[in-house]
Amino acid sequence: MPVHARGRLQALRRTLAEIGGVSAPLIGGFLVDKFNPGVPFLAYAPLLILAAVLLAVMARETLEK
């Protein structure tokens, strides 16, 4: 990744994290209200598993030994 793009990438990552941090509980509450408490789990579990797999496969360690 080019050095000049790191700040923009970090800003984009934080923006998406903040949007997710605000919207995920709202969507989860809406799903509980409309359906039942198990629905948000079924909606979020595949996304969390996908995130874990992508992190394990694609993220590289930056610590030099």
PDB file of N, CA and C in Angstrom:
ATOM      1  N   MET A   1       0.848  -1.167   0.000  1.00  0.00           N
ATOM      2  CA  MET A   1       0.000   0.000   0.000  1.00  0.00           C
ATOM      3  C   MET A   1       0.898   1.236   0.000  1.00  0.00           C
ATOM      4  N   PRO A   2       0.580   2.209  -0.836  1.00  0.00           N
ATOM      5  CA  PRO A   2       1.382   3.434  -0.866  1.00  0.00           C
ATOM      6  C   PRO A   2       1.285   4.185   0.465  1.00  0.00           C
ATOM      7  N   VAL A   3       2.380   4.785   0.850  1.00  0.00           N
ATOM      8  CA  VAL A   3       2.438   5.490   2.128  1.00  0.00           C
ATOM      9  C   VAL A   3       1.436   6.637   2.170  1.00  0.00           C
ATOM     10  N   HIS A   4       1.251   7.343   1.065  1.00  0.00           N
ATOM     11  CA  HIS A   4       0.347   8.502   1.055  1.00  0.00           C
ATOM     12  C   HIS A   4      -1.127   8.109   1.192  1.00  0.00           C
ATOM     13  N   ALA A   5      -1.471   6.841   0.993  1.00  0.00           N
ATOM     14  CA  ALA A   5      -2.865   6.408   1.078  1.00  0.00           C
ATOM     15  C   ALA A   5      -3.236   5.858   2.455  1.00  0.00           C
ATOM     16  N   ARG A   6      -2.292   5.718   3.346  1.00  0.00           N
ATOM     17  CA  ARG A   6      -2.564   5.093   4.639  1.00  0.00           C
ATOM     18  C   ARG A   6      -3.529   5.905   5.493  1.00  0.00           C
ATOM     19  N   GLY A   7      -3.385   7.205   5.483  1.00  0.00           N
ATOM     20  CA  GLY A   7      -4.288   8.055   6.274  1.00  0.00           C
ATOM     21  C   GLY A   7      -5.716   7.956   5.790  1.00  0.00           C
ATOM     22  N   ARG A   8      -5.904   7.959   4.485  1.00  0.00           N
ATOM     23  CA  ARG A   8      -7.263   7.848   3.930  1.00  0.00           C
ATOM     24  C   ARG A   8      -7.874   6.493   4.245  1.00  0.00           C
ATOM     25  N   LEU A   9      -7.081   5.449   4.148  1.00  0.00           N
ATOM     26  CA  LEU A   9      -7.585   4.113   4.449  1.00  0.00           C
ATOM     27  C   LEU A   9      -7.975   4.008   5.921  1.00  0.00           C
ATOM     28  N   GLN A  10      -7.157   4.563   6.805  1.00  0.00           N
ATOM     29  CA  GLN A  10      -7.476   4.539   8.229  1.00  0.00           C
ATOM     30  C   GLN A  10      -8.755   5.327   8.506  1.00  0.00           C
ATOM     31  N   ALA A  11      -8.913   6.480   7.846  1.00  0.00           N
ATOM     32  CA  ALA A  11     -10.120   7.284   8.034  1.00  0.00           C
ATOM     33  C   ALA A  11     -11.354   6.531   7.533  1.00  0.00           C
ATOM     34  N   LEU A  12     -11.248   5.852   6.405  1.00  0.00           N
ATOM     35  CA  LEU A  12     -12.360   5.072   5.880  1.00  0.00           C
ATOM     36  C   LEU A  12     -12.699   3.919   6.814  1.00  0.00           C
ATOM     37  N   ARG A  13     -11.676   3.246   7.331  1.00  0.00           N
ATOM     38  CA  ARG A  13     -11.906   2.137   8.252  1.00  0.00           C
ATOM     39  C   ARG A  13     -12.613   2.595   9.520  1.00  0.00           C
ATOM     40  N   ARG A  14     -12.191   3.721  10.073  1.00  0.00           N
ATOM     41  CA  ARG A  14     -12.828   4.237  11.289  1.00  0.00           C
ATOM     42  C   ARG A  14     -14.254   4.704  11.011  1.00  0.00           C
ATOM     43  N   THR A  15     -14.486   5.318   9.847  1.00  0.00           N
ATOM     44  CA  THR A  15     -15.832   5.758   9.496  1.00  0.00           C
ATOM     45  C   THR A  15     -16.780   4.572   9.388  1.00  0.00           C
ATOM     46  N   LEU A  16     -16.352   3.526   8.711  1.00  0.00           N
ATOM     47  CA  LEU A  16     -17.194   2.335   8.585  1.00  0.00           C
ATOM     48  C   LEU A  16     -17.426   1.676   9.943  1.00  0.00           C
ATOM     49  N   ALA A  17     -16.416   1.665  10.793  1.00  0.00           N
ATOM     50  CA  ALA A  17     -16.573   1.087  12.129  1.00  0.00           C
ATOM     51  C   ALA A  17     -17.576   1.886  12.956  1.00  0.00           C
ATOM     52  N   GLU A  18     -17.529   3.202  12.869  1.00  0.00           N
ATOM     53  CA  GLU A  18     -18.471   4.035  13.623  1.00  0.00           C
ATOM     54  C   GLU A  18     -19.899   3.859  13.104  1.00  0.00           C
ATOM     55  N   ILE A  19     -20.054   3.782  11.793  1.00  0.00           N
ATOM     56  CA  ILE A  19     -21.390   3.556  11.213  1.00  0.00           C
ATOM     57  C   ILE A  19     -21.933   2.209  11.681  1.00  0.00           C
ATOM     58  N   GLY A  20     -21.084   1.182  11.666  1.00  0.00           N
ATOM     59  CA  GLY A  20     -21.509  -0.136  12.135  1.00  0.00           C
ATOM     60  C   GLY A  20     -21.817  -0.147  13.616  1.00  0.00           C
ATOM     61  N   GLY A  21     -21.029   0.583  14.388  1.00  0.00           N
ATOM     62  CA  GLY A  21     -21.248   0.633  15.828  1.00  0.00           C
ATOM     63  C   GLY A  21     -22.557   1.290  16.217  1.00  0.00           C
ATOM     64  N   VAL A  22     -23.028   2.207  15.383  1.00  0.00           N
ATOM     65  CA  VAL A  22     -24.301   2.886  15.656  1.00  0.00           C
ATOM     66  C   VAL A  22     -25.467   2.111  15.052  1.00  0.00           C
ATOM     67  N   SER A  23     -25.300   1.632  13.831  1.00  0.00           N
ATOM     68  CA  SER A  23     -26.438   1.030  13.129  1.00  0.00           C
ATOM     69  C   SER A  23     -26.720  -0.422  13.538  1.00  0.00           C
ATOM     70  N   ALA A  24     -25.694  -1.190  13.909  1.00  0.00           N
ATOM     71  CA  ALA A  24     -25.905  -2.602  14.245  1.00  0.00           C
ATOM     72  C   ALA A  24     -26.857  -2.793  15.426  1.00  0.00           C
ATOM     73  N   PRO A  25     -26.711  -2.063  16.539  1.00  0.00           N
ATOM     74  CA  PRO A  25     -27.680  -2.228  17.621  1.00  0.00           C
ATOM     75  C   PRO A  25     -29.088  -1.779  17.232  1.00  0.00           C
ATOM     76  N   LEU A  26     -29.173  -0.747  16.412  1.00  0.00           N
ATOM     77  CA  LEU A  26     -30.494  -0.297  15.963  1.00  0.00           C
ATOM     78  C   LEU A  26     -31.181  -1.357  15.100  1.00  0.00           C
ATOM     79  N   ILE A  27     -30.440  -1.931  14.188  1.00  0.00           N
ATOM     80  CA  ILE A  27     -31.001  -2.977  13.328  1.00  0.00           C
ATOM     81  C   ILE A  27     -31.342  -4.211  14.156  1.00  0.00           C
ATOM     82  N   GLY A  28     -30.448  -4.567  15.103  1.00  0.00           N
ATOM     83  CA  GLY A  28     -30.722  -5.707  15.979  1.00  0.00           C
ATOM     84  C   GLY A  28     -31.975  -5.502  16.808  1.00  0.00           C
ATOM     85  N   GLY A  29     -32.149  -4.306  17.352  1.00  0.00           N
ATOM     86  CA  GLY A  29     -33.361  -4.001  18.120  1.00  0.00           C
ATOM     87  C   GLY A  29     -34.606  -4.062  17.261  1.00  0.00           C
ATOM     88  N   PHE A  30     -34.508  -3.570  16.037  1.00  0.00           N
ATOM     89  CA  PHE A  30     -35.641  -3.643  15.115  1.00  0.00           C
ATOM     90  C   PHE A  30     -36.010  -5.101  14.830  1.00  0.00           C
ATOM     91  N   LEU A  31     -34.993  -5.944  14.600  1.00  0.00           N
ATOM     92  CA  LEU A  31     -35.259  -7.356  14.316  1.00  0.00           C
ATOM     93  C   LEU A  31     -35.885  -8.066  15.515  1.00  0.00           C
ATOM     94  N   VAL A  32     -35.430  -7.747  16.728  1.00  0.00           N
ATOM     95  CA  VAL A  32     -36.023  -8.335  17.932  1.00  0.00           C
ATOM     96  C   VAL A  32     -37.469  -7.909  18.063  1.00  0.00           C
ATOM     97  N   ASP A  33     -37.735  -6.636  17.788  1.00  0.00           N
ATOM     98  CA  ASP A  33     -39.093  -6.106  17.923  1.00  0.00           C
ATOM     99  C   ASP A  33     -40.049  -6.731  16.908  1.00  0.00           C
ATOM    100  N   LYS A  34     -39.575  -6.921  15.686  1.00  0.00           N
ATOM    101  CA  LYS A  34     -40.454  -7.441  14.630  1.00  0.00           C
ATOM    102  C   LYS A  34     -40.580  -8.962  14.643  1.00  0.00           C
ATOM    103  N   PHE A  35     -39.529  -9.656  15.063  1.00  0.00           N
ATOM    104  CA  PHE A  35     -39.537 -11.114  14.992  1.00  0.00           C
ATOM    105  C   PHE A  35     -39.374 -11.714  16.393  1.00  0.00           C
ATOM    106  N   ASN A  36     -38.172 -12.187  16.713  1.00  0.00           N
ATOM    107  CA  ASN A  36     -37.897 -12.724  18.046  1.00  0.00           C
ATOM    108  C   ASN A  36     -36.418 -12.558  18.351  1.00  0.00           C
ATOM    109  N   PRO A  37     -35.995 -12.785  19.590  1.00  0.00           N
ATOM    110  CA  PRO A  37     -34.599 -12.533  19.953  1.00  0.00           C
ATOM    111  C   PRO A  37     -33.560 -13.382  19.215  1.00  0.00           C
ATOM    112  N   GLY A  38     -33.964 -14.466  18.585  1.00  0.00           N
ATOM    113  CA  GLY A  38     -33.005 -15.294  17.863  1.00  0.00           C
ATOM    114  C   GLY A  38     -32.645 -14.768  16.488  1.00  0.00           C
ATOM    115  N   VAL A  39     -33.470 -13.911  15.932  1.00  0.00           N
ATOM    116  CA  VAL A  39     -33.245 -13.435  14.564  1.00  0.00           C
ATOM    117  C   VAL A  39     -31.981 -12.586  14.435  1.00  0.00           C
ATOM    118  N   PRO A  40     -31.705 -11.645  15.346  1.00  0.00           N
ATOM    119  CA  PRO A  40     -30.446 -10.902  15.196  1.00  0.00           C
ATOM    120  C   PRO A  40     -29.213 -11.805  15.254  1.00  0.00           C
ATOM    121  N   PHE A  41     -29.259 -12.841  16.086  1.00  0.00           N
ATOM    122  CA  PHE A  41     -28.146 -13.785  16.119  1.00  0.00           C
ATOM    123  C   PHE A  41     -27.977 -14.443  14.755  1.00  0.00           C
ATOM    124  N   LEU A  42     -29.076 -14.898  14.163  1.00  0.00           N
ATOM    125  CA  LEU A  42     -28.998 -15.549  12.855  1.00  0.00           C
ATOM    126  C   LEU A  42     -28.566 -14.575  11.766  1.00  0.00           C
ATOM    127  N   ALA A  43     -28.865 -13.290  11.937  1.00  0.00           N
ATOM    128  CA  ALA A  43     -28.469 -12.294  10.953  1.00  0.00           C
ATOM    129  C   ALA A  43     -26.996 -11.911  11.109  1.00  0.00           C
ATOM    130  N   TYR A  44     -26.520 -11.786  12.342  1.00  0.00           N
ATOM    131  CA  TYR A  44     -25.166 -11.296  12.574  1.00  0.00           C
ATOM    132  C   TYR A  44     -24.114 -12.400  12.597  1.00  0.00           C
ATOM    133  N   ALA A  45     -24.464 -13.611  12.975  1.00  0.00           N
ATOM    134  CA  ALA A  45     -23.480 -14.689  13.083  1.00  0.00           C
ATOM    135  C   ALA A  45     -22.747 -14.954  11.767  1.00  0.00           C
ATOM    136  N   PRO A  46     -23.434 -15.057  10.625  1.00  0.00           N
ATOM    137  CA  PRO A  46     -22.688 -15.274   9.368  1.00  0.00           C
ATOM    138  C   PRO A  46     -21.745 -14.115   9.036  1.00  0.00           C
ATOM    139  N   LEU A  47     -22.144 -12.891   9.348  1.00  0.00           N
ATOM    140  CA  LEU A  47     -21.268 -11.748   9.083  1.00  0.00           C
ATOM    141  C   LEU A  47     -20.019 -11.794   9.962  1.00  0.00           C
ATOM    142  N   LEU A  48     -20.182 -12.176  11.211  1.00  0.00           N
ATOM    143  CA  LEU A  48     -19.043 -12.270  12.111  1.00  0.00           C
ATOM    144  C   LEU A  48     -18.113 -13.416  11.730  1.00  0.00           C
ATOM    145  N   ILE A  49     -18.683 -14.526  11.291  1.00  0.00           N
ATOM    146  CA  ILE A  49     -17.860 -15.649  10.837  1.00  0.00           C
ATOM    147  C   ILE A  49     -17.089 -15.261   9.580  1.00  0.00           C
ATOM    148  N   LEU A  50     -17.755 -14.580   8.652  1.00  0.00           N
ATOM    149  CA  LEU A  50     -17.087 -14.114   7.433  1.00  0.00           C
ATOM    150  C   LEU A  50     -15.948 -13.159   7.784  1.00  0.00           C
ATOM    151  N   ALA A  51     -16.188 -12.242   8.707  1.00  0.00           N
ATOM    152  CA  ALA A  51     -15.148 -11.301   9.118  1.00  0.00           C
ATOM    153  C   ALA A  51     -13.958 -12.038   9.734  1.00  0.00           C
ATOM    154  N   ALA A  52     -14.218 -13.048  10.551  1.00  0.00           N
ATOM    155  CA  ALA A  52     -13.136 -13.812  11.176  1.00  0.00           C
ATOM    156  C   ALA A  52     -12.327 -14.578  10.129  1.00  0.00           C
ATOM    157  N   VAL A  53     -13.010 -15.172   9.169  1.00  0.00           N
ATOM    158  CA  VAL A  53     -12.310 -15.923   8.121  1.00  0.00           C
ATOM    159  C   VAL A  53     -11.462 -14.980   7.262  1.00  0.00           C
ATOM    160  N   LEU A  54     -12.031 -13.844   6.881  1.00  0.00           N
ATOM    161  CA  LEU A  54     -11.265 -12.889   6.082  1.00  0.00           C
ATOM    162  C   LEU A  54     -10.060 -12.362   6.847  1.00  0.00           C
ATOM    163  N   LEU A  55     -10.220 -12.116   8.127  1.00  0.00           N
ATOM    164  CA  LEU A  55      -9.108 -11.647   8.942  1.00  0.00           C
ATOM    165  C   LEU A  55      -8.017 -12.713   9.023  1.00  0.00           C
ATOM    166  N   ALA A  56      -8.405 -13.956   9.209  1.00  0.00           N
ATOM    167  CA  ALA A  56      -7.427 -15.035   9.327  1.00  0.00           C
ATOM    168  C   ALA A  56      -6.700 -15.308   8.013  1.00  0.00           C
ATOM    169  N   VAL A  57      -7.414 -15.164   6.903  1.00  0.00           N
ATOM    170  CA  VAL A  57      -6.839 -15.521   5.606  1.00  0.00           C
ATOM    171  C   VAL A  57      -6.098 -14.358   4.963  1.00  0.00           C
ATOM    172  N   MET A  58      -6.662 -13.157   5.030  1.00  0.00           N
ATOM    173  CA  MET A  58      -6.133 -12.055   4.243  1.00  0.00           C
ATOM    174  C   MET A  58      -5.242 -11.087   5.020  1.00  0.00           C
ATOM    175  N   ALA A  59      -5.434 -10.970   6.320  1.00  0.00           N
ATOM    176  CA  ALA A  59      -4.647 -10.009   7.088  1.00  0.00           C
ATOM    177  C   ALA A  59      -3.247 -10.563   7.325  1.00  0.00           C
ATOM    178  N   ARG A  60      -2.272  -9.733   7.109  1.00  0.00           N
ATOM    179  CA  ARG A  60      -0.901 -10.181   7.330  1.00  0.00           C
ATOM    180  C   ARG A  60      -0.345  -9.556   8.601  1.00  0.00           C
ATOM    181  N   GLU A  61       0.530 -10.274   9.230  1.00  0.00           N
ATOM    182  CA  GLU A  61       1.154  -9.799  10.460  1.00  0.00           C
ATOM    183  C   GLU A  61       2.196  -8.733  10.103  1.00  0.00           C
ATOM    184  N   THR A  62       2.184  -7.632  10.816  1.00  0.00           N
ATOM    185  CA  THR A  62       3.122  -6.552  10.539  1.00  0.00           C
ATOM    186  C   THR A  62       4.304  -6.549  11.505  1.00  0.00           C
ATOM    187  N   LEU A  63       4.252  -7.353  12.545  1.00  0.00           N
ATOM    188  CA  LEU A  63       5.356  -7.410  13.495  1.00  0.00           C
ATOM    189  C   LEU A  63       6.527  -8.156  12.898  1.00  0.00           C
ATOM    190  N   GLU A  64       7.671  -7.490  12.861  1.00  0.00           N
ATOM    191  CA  GLU A  64       8.875  -8.134  12.329  1.00  0.00           C
ATOM    192  C   GLU A  64       9.607  -8.830  13.450  1.00  0.00           C
ATOM    193  N   LYS A  65      10.065 -10.041  13.186  1.00  0.00           N
ATOM    194  CA  LYS A  65      10.798 -10.812  14.198  1.00  0.00           C
ATOM    195  C   LYS A  65      12.281 -10.667  13.997  1.00  0.00           C
TER     196      LYS A  65
END
